[in-house]
Structure formats: structure tokens, C-alpha cells
Amino acid sequence: QVQLVESGGGSVQPGGSLRLSCKASGIIFRLSNMGWYRQAPGKQRELVATITNGGNTNYADSVKGRFSISRDNAKNTVYLQMNSLKPEDTAVYYCNAQSLIGVNYWGKGTLVTVSS
């Protein structure tokens, strides 16, 4: 049974930082491509950042230079370091895992609120 458990969300003021974590189980983590997506109220879910099993990263234009995705294969965990947070970053952030055969798995999400 695949489980993706996100943590690290919370409330922060504009300009602040948060680090999200996603611990995976039930998958061959080192072979999986991992990603973070987010969904703001009234909007569709959108890609934030991805990291391949080889360590290649990709970011949405809106977060480039502010967010950083990384992974620790020994801990089966993917991270999202978020700096210089803006109110428009407010959303539920979801962890995604994609297996070698293209099956997608999702976590339940963690809420990030950026507000003064």
C-alpha cells in the first residue's frame, strides 16, 4: 500500500520560509519521480516542482528562484524548501510520486497560508 505523508505546512508572513517534507512508503522510492503540486481555493491543481529519480529538477515559473526541491533516497523523503513566500503561494500542497510504469500516487496535502 502506497502512502505519501506530507508535513511542514503552516502559517507564515510574507517573505518568510517553510520547508515541506513528504515521506513515502510502499514504493521503490529511489526509482520514482517525485513532485510537489498545489491547489489554491477556487483554482485547479498546478505543478510546483518535480525531481526525477536521477535528480533532475523542474520548477513552475512562479516559484523559480524562491523554491527548491530535493530528495533523500535513504529516508524515502522529498522536500520543498520555500523562501520569500508570497500571499499567492497560499494553497494546499500535495506530494506526488510517479512510478516507473507511470502510475501516479498522491498525498493528502498540507496547507500553507501566507498572510500578514
C-alpha atoms as a PDB file:
ATOM      1  CA  GLN A   1       0.000   0.000   0.000  1.00  0.00           C
ATOM      2  CA  VAL A   2       1.480   3.295  -1.118  1.00  0.00           C
ATOM      3  CA  GLN A   3       1.477   6.149   1.375  1.00  0.00           C
ATOM      4  CA  LEU A   4       2.719   9.683   0.919  1.00  0.00           C
ATOM      5  CA  VAL A   5       2.616  11.732   4.103  1.00  0.00           C
ATOM      6  CA  GLU A   6       3.227  15.458   3.882  1.00  0.00           C
ATOM      7  CA  SER A   7       4.281  17.658   6.788  1.00  0.00           C
ATOM      8  CA  GLY A   8       5.654  21.131   7.416  1.00  0.00           C
ATOM      9  CA  GLY A   9       2.751  23.286   6.344  1.00  0.00           C
ATOM     10  CA  GLY A  10       1.518  26.188   8.409  1.00  0.00           C
ATOM     11  CA  SER A  11       1.014  29.929   8.547  1.00  0.00           C
ATOM     12  CA  VAL A  12       3.788  32.365   7.742  1.00  0.00           C
ATOM     13  CA  GLN A  13       4.108  36.054   6.991  1.00  0.00           C
ATOM     14  CA  PRO A  14       5.040  37.304   3.523  1.00  0.00           C
ATOM     15  CA  GLY A  15       8.765  36.973   2.993  1.00  0.00           C
ATOM     16  CA  GLY A  16       9.001  34.032   5.336  1.00  0.00           C
ATOM     17  CA  SER A  17      10.116  30.463   4.737  1.00  0.00           C
ATOM     18  CA  LEU A  18       8.772  26.964   5.209  1.00  0.00           C
ATOM     19  CA  ARG A  19      10.093  23.505   4.423  1.00  0.00           C
ATOM     20  CA  LEU A  20       7.671  20.802   3.401  1.00  0.00           C
ATOM     21  CA  SER A  21       8.505  17.122   3.726  1.00  0.00           C
ATOM     22  CA  CYS A  22       6.897  14.098   2.146  1.00  0.00           C
ATOM     23  CA  LYS A  23       7.754  10.640   3.427  1.00  0.00           C
ATOM     24  CA  ALA A  24       6.923   7.796   1.082  1.00  0.00           C
ATOM     25  CA  SER A  25       6.290   4.142   1.777  1.00  0.00           C
ATOM     26  CA  GLY A  26       5.137   1.237  -0.329  1.00  0.00           C
ATOM     27  CA  ILE A  27       7.054   2.363  -3.423  1.00  0.00           C
ATOM     28  CA  ILE A  28      10.596   1.921  -4.683  1.00  0.00           C
ATOM     29  CA  PHE A  29      11.404   5.499  -3.812  1.00  0.00           C
ATOM     30  CA  ARG A  30      14.826   5.726  -5.457  1.00  0.00           C
ATOM     31  CA  LEU A  31      13.295   4.759  -8.800  1.00  0.00           C
ATOM     32  CA  SER A  32      10.307   7.090  -8.540  1.00  0.00           C
ATOM     33  CA  ASN A  33       9.967  10.583  -9.905  1.00  0.00           C
ATOM     34  CA  MET A  34       8.671  12.897  -7.189  1.00  0.00           C
ATOM     35  CA  GLY A  35       6.902  16.222  -7.234  1.00  0.00           C
ATOM     36  CA  TRP A  36       5.008  18.899  -5.397  1.00  0.00           C
ATOM     37  CA  TYR A  37       1.748  20.356  -6.645  1.00  0.00           C
ATOM     38  CA  ARG A  38      -0.570  22.910  -5.099  1.00  0.00           C
ATOM     39  CA  GLN A  39      -4.193  23.906  -5.260  1.00  0.00           C
ATOM     40  CA  ALA A  40      -5.410  27.304  -4.180  1.00  0.00           C
ATOM     41  CA  PRO A  41      -9.076  27.926  -3.312  1.00  0.00           C
ATOM     42  CA  GLY A  42     -11.174  28.051  -6.462  1.00  0.00           C
ATOM     43  CA  LYS A  43      -8.267  27.090  -8.711  1.00  0.00           C
ATOM     44  CA  GLN A  44      -7.020  23.955 -10.407  1.00  0.00           C
ATOM     45  CA  ARG A  45      -4.157  21.936  -9.044  1.00  0.00           C
ATOM     46  CA  GLU A  46      -0.867  23.097 -10.543  1.00  0.00           C
ATOM     47  CA  LEU A  47       2.692  21.843 -10.699  1.00  0.00           C
ATOM     48  CA  VAL A  48       5.144  23.489  -8.325  1.00  0.00           C
ATOM     49  CA  ALA A  49       8.311  21.431  -8.726  1.00  0.00           C
ATOM     50  CA  THR A  50       9.456  17.968  -9.745  1.00  0.00           C
ATOM     51  CA  ILE A  51      12.596  15.929  -9.257  1.00  0.00           C
ATOM     52  CA  THR A  52      13.386  12.828 -11.269  1.00  0.00           C
ATOM     53  CA  ASN A  53      14.890   9.635  -9.938  1.00  0.00           C
ATOM     54  CA  GLY A  54      18.166  10.916 -11.378  1.00  0.00           C
ATOM     55  CA  GLY A  55      17.939  14.223  -9.549  1.00  0.00           C
ATOM     56  CA  ASN A  56      16.888  16.494 -12.401  1.00  0.00           C
ATOM     57  CA  THR A  57      14.594  19.280 -11.245  1.00  0.00           C
ATOM     58  CA  ASN A  58      11.888  21.374 -12.841  1.00  0.00           C
ATOM     59  CA  TYR A  59      10.010  24.375 -11.438  1.00  0.00           C
ATOM     60  CA  ALA A  60       6.959  26.419 -12.237  1.00  0.00           C
ATOM     61  CA  ASP A  61       7.945  29.894 -13.407  1.00  0.00           C
ATOM     62  CA  SER A  62       6.109  31.413 -10.455  1.00  0.00           C
ATOM     63  CA  VAL A  63       8.426  29.755  -7.920  1.00  0.00           C
ATOM     64  CA  LYS A  64      11.775  29.742  -9.729  1.00  0.00           C
ATOM     65  CA  GLY A  65      14.493  31.250  -7.594  1.00  0.00           C
ATOM     66  CA  ARG A  66      12.370  31.005  -4.435  1.00  0.00           C
ATOM     67  CA  PHE A  67      11.580  27.296  -4.020  1.00  0.00           C
ATOM     68  CA  SER A  68      13.940  24.328  -4.067  1.00  0.00           C
ATOM     69  CA  ILE A  69      13.027  20.649  -4.344  1.00  0.00           C
ATOM     70  CA  SER A  70      15.341  17.921  -3.086  1.00  0.00           C
ATOM     71  CA  ARG A  71      15.220  14.270  -2.141  1.00  0.00           C
ATOM     72  CA  ASP A  72      16.883  11.916   0.321  1.00  0.00           C
ATOM     73  CA  ASN A  73      16.647   8.385  -1.025  1.00  0.00           C
ATOM     74  CA  ALA A  74      17.980   6.943   2.226  1.00  0.00           C
ATOM     75  CA  LYS A  75      14.999   8.445   4.059  1.00  0.00           C
ATOM     76  CA  ASN A  76      12.407   7.936   1.298  1.00  0.00           C
ATOM     77  CA  THR A  77      11.653  11.634   1.631  1.00  0.00           C
ATOM     78  CA  VAL A  78      11.258  14.550  -0.745  1.00  0.00           C
ATOM     79  CA  TYR A  79      11.480  18.148   0.438  1.00  0.00           C
ATOM     80  CA  LEU A  80      10.301  21.526  -0.772  1.00  0.00           C
ATOM     81  CA  GLN A  81      12.172  24.498   0.645  1.00  0.00           C
ATOM     82  CA  MET A  82      10.053  27.605   0.172  1.00  0.00           C
ATOM     83  CA  ASN A  83      11.633  31.029   0.648  1.00  0.00           C
ATOM     84  CA  SER A  84      10.395  34.562   0.067  1.00  0.00           C
ATOM     85  CA  LEU A  85       6.829  33.361   0.372  1.00  0.00           C
ATOM     86  CA  LYS A  86       4.047  35.481  -1.101  1.00  0.00           C
ATOM     87  CA  PRO A  87       0.324  35.569  -0.351  1.00  0.00           C
ATOM     88  CA  GLU A  88      -0.293  33.996  -3.748  1.00  0.00           C
ATOM     89  CA  ASP A  89       1.622  30.914  -2.575  1.00  0.00           C
ATOM     90  CA  THR A  90      -1.257  30.144  -0.225  1.00  0.00           C
ATOM     91  CA  ALA A  91      -2.599  26.716  -1.141  1.00  0.00           C
ATOM     92  CA  VAL A  92      -2.821  23.086  -0.173  1.00  0.00           C
ATOM     93  CA  TYR A  93       0.431  21.465  -1.228  1.00  0.00           C
ATOM     94  CA  TYR A  94       0.336  17.863  -2.422  1.00  0.00           C
ATOM     95  CA  CYS A  95       3.146  15.368  -2.770  1.00  0.00           C
ATOM     96  CA  ASN A  96       3.183  13.241  -5.917  1.00  0.00           C
ATOM     97  CA  ALA A  97       5.059  10.073  -6.744  1.00  0.00           C
ATOM     98  CA  GLN A  98       5.229   8.598 -10.220  1.00  0.00           C
ATOM     99  CA  SER A  99       6.369   5.014 -10.593  1.00  0.00           C
ATOM    100  CA  LEU A 100       8.486   3.677 -13.442  1.00  0.00           C
ATOM    101  CA  ILE A 101       5.350   2.491 -15.228  1.00  0.00           C
ATOM    102  CA  GLY A 102       3.692   5.888 -14.900  1.00  0.00           C
ATOM    103  CA  VAL A 103       1.298   5.259 -12.042  1.00  0.00           C
ATOM    104  CA  ASN A 104       0.674   8.399 -10.007  1.00  0.00           C
ATOM    105  CA  TYR A 105       0.190   8.479  -6.249  1.00  0.00           C
ATOM    106  CA  TRP A 106      -0.862  11.456  -4.148  1.00  0.00           C
ATOM    107  CA  GLY A 107      -0.622  12.511  -0.547  1.00  0.00           C
ATOM    108  CA  LYS A 108      -3.499  14.096   1.333  1.00  0.00           C
ATOM    109  CA  GLY A 109      -1.933  17.541   1.287  1.00  0.00           C
ATOM    110  CA  THR A 110      -0.658  20.111   3.735  1.00  0.00           C
ATOM    111  CA  LEU A 111      -1.967  23.671   3.989  1.00  0.00           C
ATOM    112  CA  VAL A 112       0.352  26.640   3.547  1.00  0.00           C
ATOM    113  CA  THR A 113      -1.045  30.057   4.395  1.00  0.00           C
ATOM    114  CA  VAL A 114       0.927  33.223   3.682  1.00  0.00           C
ATOM    115  CA  SER A 115      -0.651  36.243   5.290  1.00  0.00           C
ATOM    116  CA  SER A 116       0.233  39.292   7.312  1.00  0.00           C
END
